[in-house]
Amino acid sequence: MTEPRFRARTFRRVFVKTPGGRNVIHYEKRKKSAGKCAICGKPLNRAKMLPSTKKKLSKSEKRPERPYPNLCPSCMREEIKRKARAQSQ
């Protein structure tokens, strides 16, 4: 029986053929997917990092240094315009 932590799909299952000819299952952590824009869903730059790599970077390298870092640049511009228009009225 597998360990309880491996029963969930947080670990991906990789079938490996051993030198003895048996097929065994190895469990690996899933890779992080690229971050996506909260509005349009386009992939964001520099958002696809494993925690071990992310740990070594400075704070400004981990995410964009701008307002709304969870939006792509085009959606961010539209959001800023929308806020400015709402403020002026």
N, C-alpha and C. Protein backbone atom coordinates (compact mmCIF):
# COMPACT_ATOMS: atom_id res chain seq x y z
N MET A 1 0.84 -1.19 0.00
CA MET A 1 0.00 0.00 0.00
C MET A 1 0.88 1.25 0.00
N THR A 2 0.46 2.25 -0.74
CA THR A 2 1.25 3.49 -0.79
C THR A 2 1.04 4.30 0.47
N GLU A 3 1.97 5.19 0.73
CA GLU A 3 1.83 6.08 1.89
C GLU A 3 0.66 7.01 1.65
N PRO A 4 -0.03 7.43 2.70
CA PRO A 4 -1.20 8.29 2.52
C PRO A 4 -0.89 9.59 1.78
N ARG A 5 0.30 10.16 1.98
CA ARG A 5 0.61 11.43 1.31
C ARG A 5 0.73 11.27 -0.21
N PHE A 6 1.04 10.06 -0.67
CA PHE A 6 1.18 9.83 -2.10
C PHE A 6 -0.14 9.48 -2.78
N ARG A 7 -1.19 9.26 -2.02
CA ARG A 7 -2.47 8.89 -2.61
C ARG A 7 -3.14 10.08 -3.28
N ALA A 8 -2.91 11.28 -2.76
CA ALA A 8 -3.47 12.49 -3.38
C ALA A 8 -2.68 12.81 -4.63
N ARG A 9 -3.24 13.65 -5.47
CA ARG A 9 -2.56 13.97 -6.74
C ARG A 9 -1.63 15.17 -6.64
N THR A 10 -1.21 15.53 -5.41
CA THR A 10 -0.23 16.60 -5.29
C THR A 10 1.12 16.14 -5.81
N PHE A 11 1.35 14.83 -5.75
CA PHE A 11 2.56 14.25 -6.31
C PHE A 11 2.20 13.61 -7.65
N ARG A 12 3.02 13.83 -8.67
CA ARG A 12 2.74 13.18 -9.94
C ARG A 12 3.40 11.81 -9.94
N ARG A 13 2.81 10.88 -10.68
CA ARG A 13 3.30 9.51 -10.72
C ARG A 13 4.14 9.30 -11.97
N VAL A 14 5.35 8.85 -11.77
CA VAL A 14 6.27 8.60 -12.88
C VAL A 14 6.60 7.12 -12.88
N PHE A 15 6.34 6.46 -13.99
CA PHE A 15 6.65 5.03 -14.10
C PHE A 15 8.10 4.89 -14.56
N VAL A 16 8.89 4.17 -13.77
CA VAL A 16 10.32 4.01 -14.03
C VAL A 16 10.62 2.53 -14.16
N LYS A 17 11.37 2.19 -15.19
CA LYS A 17 11.77 0.78 -15.37
C LYS A 17 13.11 0.59 -14.67
N THR A 18 13.17 -0.35 -13.74
CA THR A 18 14.39 -0.60 -12.97
C THR A 18 15.33 -1.50 -13.78
N PRO A 19 16.60 -1.56 -13.39
CA PRO A 19 17.53 -2.44 -14.10
C PRO A 19 17.11 -3.91 -14.06
N GLY A 20 16.34 -4.29 -13.04
CA GLY A 20 15.88 -5.67 -12.94
C GLY A 20 14.72 -5.98 -13.86
N GLY A 21 14.19 -4.95 -14.55
CA GLY A 21 13.11 -5.16 -15.50
C GLY A 21 11.72 -4.88 -14.95
N ARG A 22 11.63 -4.52 -13.66
CA ARG A 22 10.32 -4.22 -13.07
C ARG A 22 9.93 -2.77 -13.36
N ASN A 23 8.65 -2.51 -13.48
CA ASN A 23 8.15 -1.13 -13.57
C ASN A 23 7.70 -0.70 -12.18
N VAL A 24 8.26 0.40 -11.68
CA VAL A 24 7.88 0.90 -10.36
C VAL A 24 7.39 2.34 -10.53
N ILE A 25 6.66 2.80 -9.54
CA ILE A 25 6.14 4.17 -9.58
C ILE A 25 7.00 5.03 -8.66
N HIS A 26 7.51 6.13 -9.19
CA HIS A 26 8.19 7.14 -8.38
C HIS A 26 7.24 8.33 -8.28
N TYR A 27 7.22 8.96 -7.11
CA TYR A 27 6.35 10.10 -6.88
C TYR A 27 7.20 11.36 -6.85
N GLU A 28 6.82 12.35 -7.68
CA GLU A 28 7.58 13.60 -7.76
C GLU A 28 6.66 14.78 -7.47
N LYS A 29 7.23 15.84 -6.91
CA LYS A 29 6.47 17.06 -6.71
C LYS A 29 6.12 17.63 -8.08
N ARG A 30 4.95 18.19 -8.21
CA ARG A 30 4.57 18.82 -9.48
C ARG A 30 5.30 20.14 -9.63
N LYS A 31 5.63 20.48 -10.87
CA LYS A 31 6.30 21.76 -11.14
C LYS A 31 5.27 22.89 -11.06
N LYS A 32 5.71 24.04 -10.64
CA LYS A 32 4.83 25.20 -10.59
C LYS A 32 4.51 25.65 -12.00
N SER A 33 3.27 26.05 -12.23
CA SER A 33 2.91 26.57 -13.54
C SER A 33 3.15 28.08 -13.54
N ALA A 34 3.23 28.67 -14.71
CA ALA A 34 3.47 30.10 -14.82
C ALA A 34 2.29 30.86 -14.25
N GLY A 35 2.56 32.02 -13.63
CA GLY A 35 1.48 32.86 -13.12
C GLY A 35 0.68 33.43 -14.28
N LYS A 36 -0.60 33.64 -14.06
CA LYS A 36 -1.46 34.15 -15.12
C LYS A 36 -2.08 35.46 -14.69
N CYS A 37 -2.40 36.30 -15.67
CA CYS A 37 -3.06 37.58 -15.43
C CYS A 37 -4.43 37.30 -14.82
N ALA A 38 -4.82 38.09 -13.82
CA ALA A 38 -6.09 37.88 -13.13
C ALA A 38 -7.28 38.23 -14.01
N ILE A 39 -7.09 39.05 -15.04
CA ILE A 39 -8.21 39.47 -15.89
C ILE A 39 -8.26 38.65 -17.19
N CYS A 40 -7.18 38.68 -17.98
CA CYS A 40 -7.23 38.04 -19.31
C CYS A 40 -6.65 36.63 -19.32
N GLY A 41 -5.86 36.25 -18.30
CA GLY A 41 -5.32 34.89 -18.24
C GLY A 41 -4.03 34.68 -19.01
N LYS A 42 -3.43 35.77 -19.56
CA LYS A 42 -2.14 35.65 -20.25
C LYS A 42 -1.04 35.30 -19.25
N PRO A 43 -0.04 34.51 -19.64
CA PRO A 43 1.05 34.20 -18.69
C PRO A 43 1.86 35.44 -18.36
N LEU A 44 2.22 35.58 -17.08
CA LEU A 44 3.03 36.72 -16.64
C LEU A 44 4.50 36.39 -16.77
N ASN A 45 5.32 37.42 -16.98
CA ASN A 45 6.77 37.24 -17.05
C ASN A 45 7.33 36.98 -15.66
N ARG A 46 8.35 36.16 -15.60
CA ARG A 46 9.09 35.87 -14.38
C ARG A 46 8.24 35.31 -13.24
N ALA A 47 7.15 34.66 -13.53
CA ALA A 47 6.32 34.14 -12.46
C ALA A 47 6.48 32.64 -12.28
N LYS A 48 7.17 31.97 -13.21
CA LYS A 48 7.30 30.52 -13.13
C LYS A 48 8.62 30.19 -12.44
N MET A 49 8.57 29.96 -11.14
CA MET A 49 9.77 29.65 -10.39
C MET A 49 9.47 28.59 -9.35
N LEU A 50 10.41 27.70 -9.16
CA LEU A 50 10.30 26.75 -8.06
C LEU A 50 10.68 27.47 -6.77
N PRO A 51 10.15 27.04 -5.64
CA PRO A 51 10.46 27.71 -4.38
C PRO A 51 11.96 27.76 -4.09
N SER A 52 12.70 26.72 -4.49
CA SER A 52 14.14 26.71 -4.22
C SER A 52 14.87 27.81 -4.99
N THR A 53 14.41 28.11 -6.21
CA THR A 53 15.02 29.19 -7.01
C THR A 53 14.54 30.54 -6.53
N LYS A 54 13.27 30.62 -6.19
CA LYS A 54 12.68 31.89 -5.77
C LYS A 54 13.32 32.40 -4.48
N LYS A 55 13.72 31.46 -3.62
CA LYS A 55 14.30 31.82 -2.33
C LYS A 55 15.59 32.62 -2.49
N LYS A 56 16.33 32.37 -3.57
CA LYS A 56 17.64 32.99 -3.77
C LYS A 56 17.55 34.38 -4.40
N LEU A 57 16.38 34.77 -4.92
CA LEU A 57 16.24 36.05 -5.60
C LEU A 57 15.88 37.16 -4.63
N SER A 58 16.17 38.40 -5.03
CA SER A 58 15.76 39.53 -4.21
C SER A 58 14.27 39.78 -4.41
N LYS A 59 13.70 40.62 -3.53
CA LYS A 59 12.25 40.86 -3.56
C LYS A 59 11.79 41.44 -4.89
N SER A 60 12.59 42.33 -5.46
CA SER A 60 12.18 42.96 -6.72
C SER A 60 12.29 42.03 -7.92
N GLU A 61 13.08 40.97 -7.80
CA GLU A 61 13.21 40.00 -8.89
C GLU A 61 12.09 38.96 -8.88
N LYS A 62 11.43 38.80 -7.75
CA LYS A 62 10.39 37.77 -7.63
C LYS A 62 9.11 38.18 -8.32
N ARG A 63 8.83 39.47 -8.38
CA ARG A 63 7.59 39.95 -8.97
C ARG A 63 7.82 41.33 -9.54
N PRO A 64 6.96 41.80 -10.43
CA PRO A 64 7.16 43.12 -11.03
C PRO A 64 7.02 44.24 -10.01
N GLU A 65 7.84 45.27 -10.14
CA GLU A 65 7.78 46.43 -9.26
C GLU A 65 6.85 47.47 -9.89
N ARG A 66 5.57 47.26 -9.80
CA ARG A 66 4.59 48.19 -10.36
C ARG A 66 3.27 47.95 -9.65
N PRO A 67 2.32 48.87 -9.79
CA PRO A 67 1.01 48.60 -9.19
C PRO A 67 0.36 47.41 -9.90
N TYR A 68 -0.46 46.68 -9.20
CA TYR A 68 -1.15 45.50 -9.72
C TYR A 68 -0.18 44.48 -10.31
N PRO A 69 0.70 43.88 -9.51
CA PRO A 69 1.65 42.91 -10.06
C PRO A 69 1.00 41.62 -10.54
N ASN A 70 -0.28 41.41 -10.20
CA ASN A 70 -0.96 40.20 -10.65
C ASN A 70 -1.66 40.37 -12.00
N LEU A 71 -1.47 41.54 -12.64
CA LEU A 71 -2.05 41.79 -13.97
C LEU A 71 -0.95 41.92 -14.99
N CYS A 72 -1.26 41.58 -16.26
CA CYS A 72 -0.29 41.79 -17.33
C CYS A 72 -0.24 43.30 -17.62
N PRO A 73 0.81 43.79 -18.27
CA PRO A 73 0.96 45.23 -18.48
C PRO A 73 -0.22 45.90 -19.18
N SER A 74 -0.80 45.24 -20.19
CA SER A 74 -1.92 45.87 -20.90
C SER A 74 -3.16 45.98 -20.01
N CYS A 75 -3.46 44.94 -19.25
CA CYS A 75 -4.62 45.00 -18.34
C CYS A 75 -4.38 46.00 -17.21
N MET A 76 -3.10 46.11 -16.77
CA MET A 76 -2.78 47.07 -15.73
C MET A 76 -3.03 48.50 -16.20
N ARG A 77 -2.64 48.80 -17.46
CA ARG A 77 -2.88 50.13 -18.02
C ARG A 77 -4.37 50.45 -18.05
N GLU A 78 -5.16 49.47 -18.51
CA GLU A 78 -6.61 49.66 -18.58
C GLU A 78 -7.20 49.90 -17.19
N GLU A 79 -6.71 49.18 -16.21
CA GLU A 79 -7.20 49.32 -14.83
C GLU A 79 -6.88 50.70 -14.28
N ILE A 80 -5.67 51.19 -14.54
CA ILE A 80 -5.27 52.52 -14.07
C ILE A 80 -6.14 53.59 -14.74
N LYS A 81 -6.39 53.44 -16.04
CA LYS A 81 -7.25 54.39 -16.76
C LYS A 81 -8.66 54.39 -16.18
N ARG A 82 -9.18 53.18 -15.90
CA ARG A 82 -10.53 53.05 -15.37
C ARG A 82 -10.64 53.73 -14.00
N LYS A 83 -9.62 53.54 -13.14
CA LYS A 83 -9.61 54.16 -11.82
C LYS A 83 -9.54 55.69 -11.93
N ALA A 84 -8.71 56.18 -12.86
CA ALA A 84 -8.56 57.64 -13.03
C ALA A 84 -9.86 58.25 -13.53
N ARG A 85 -10.55 57.57 -14.45
CA ARG A 85 -11.81 58.06 -14.96
C ARG A 85 -12.87 58.09 -13.87
N ALA A 86 -12.89 57.07 -13.04
CA ALA A 86 -13.87 57.00 -11.94
C ALA A 86 -13.60 58.08 -10.91
N GLN A 87 -12.32 58.40 -10.67
CA GLN A 87 -11.96 59.42 -9.71
C GLN A 87 -12.34 60.81 -10.19
N SER A 88 -12.22 61.07 -11.49
CA SER A 88 -12.48 62.41 -12.03
C SER A 88 -13.98 62.71 -12.07
N GLN A 89 -14.82 61.71 -12.06
CA GLN A 89 -16.26 61.96 -12.13
C GLN A 89 -16.86 62.26 -10.78
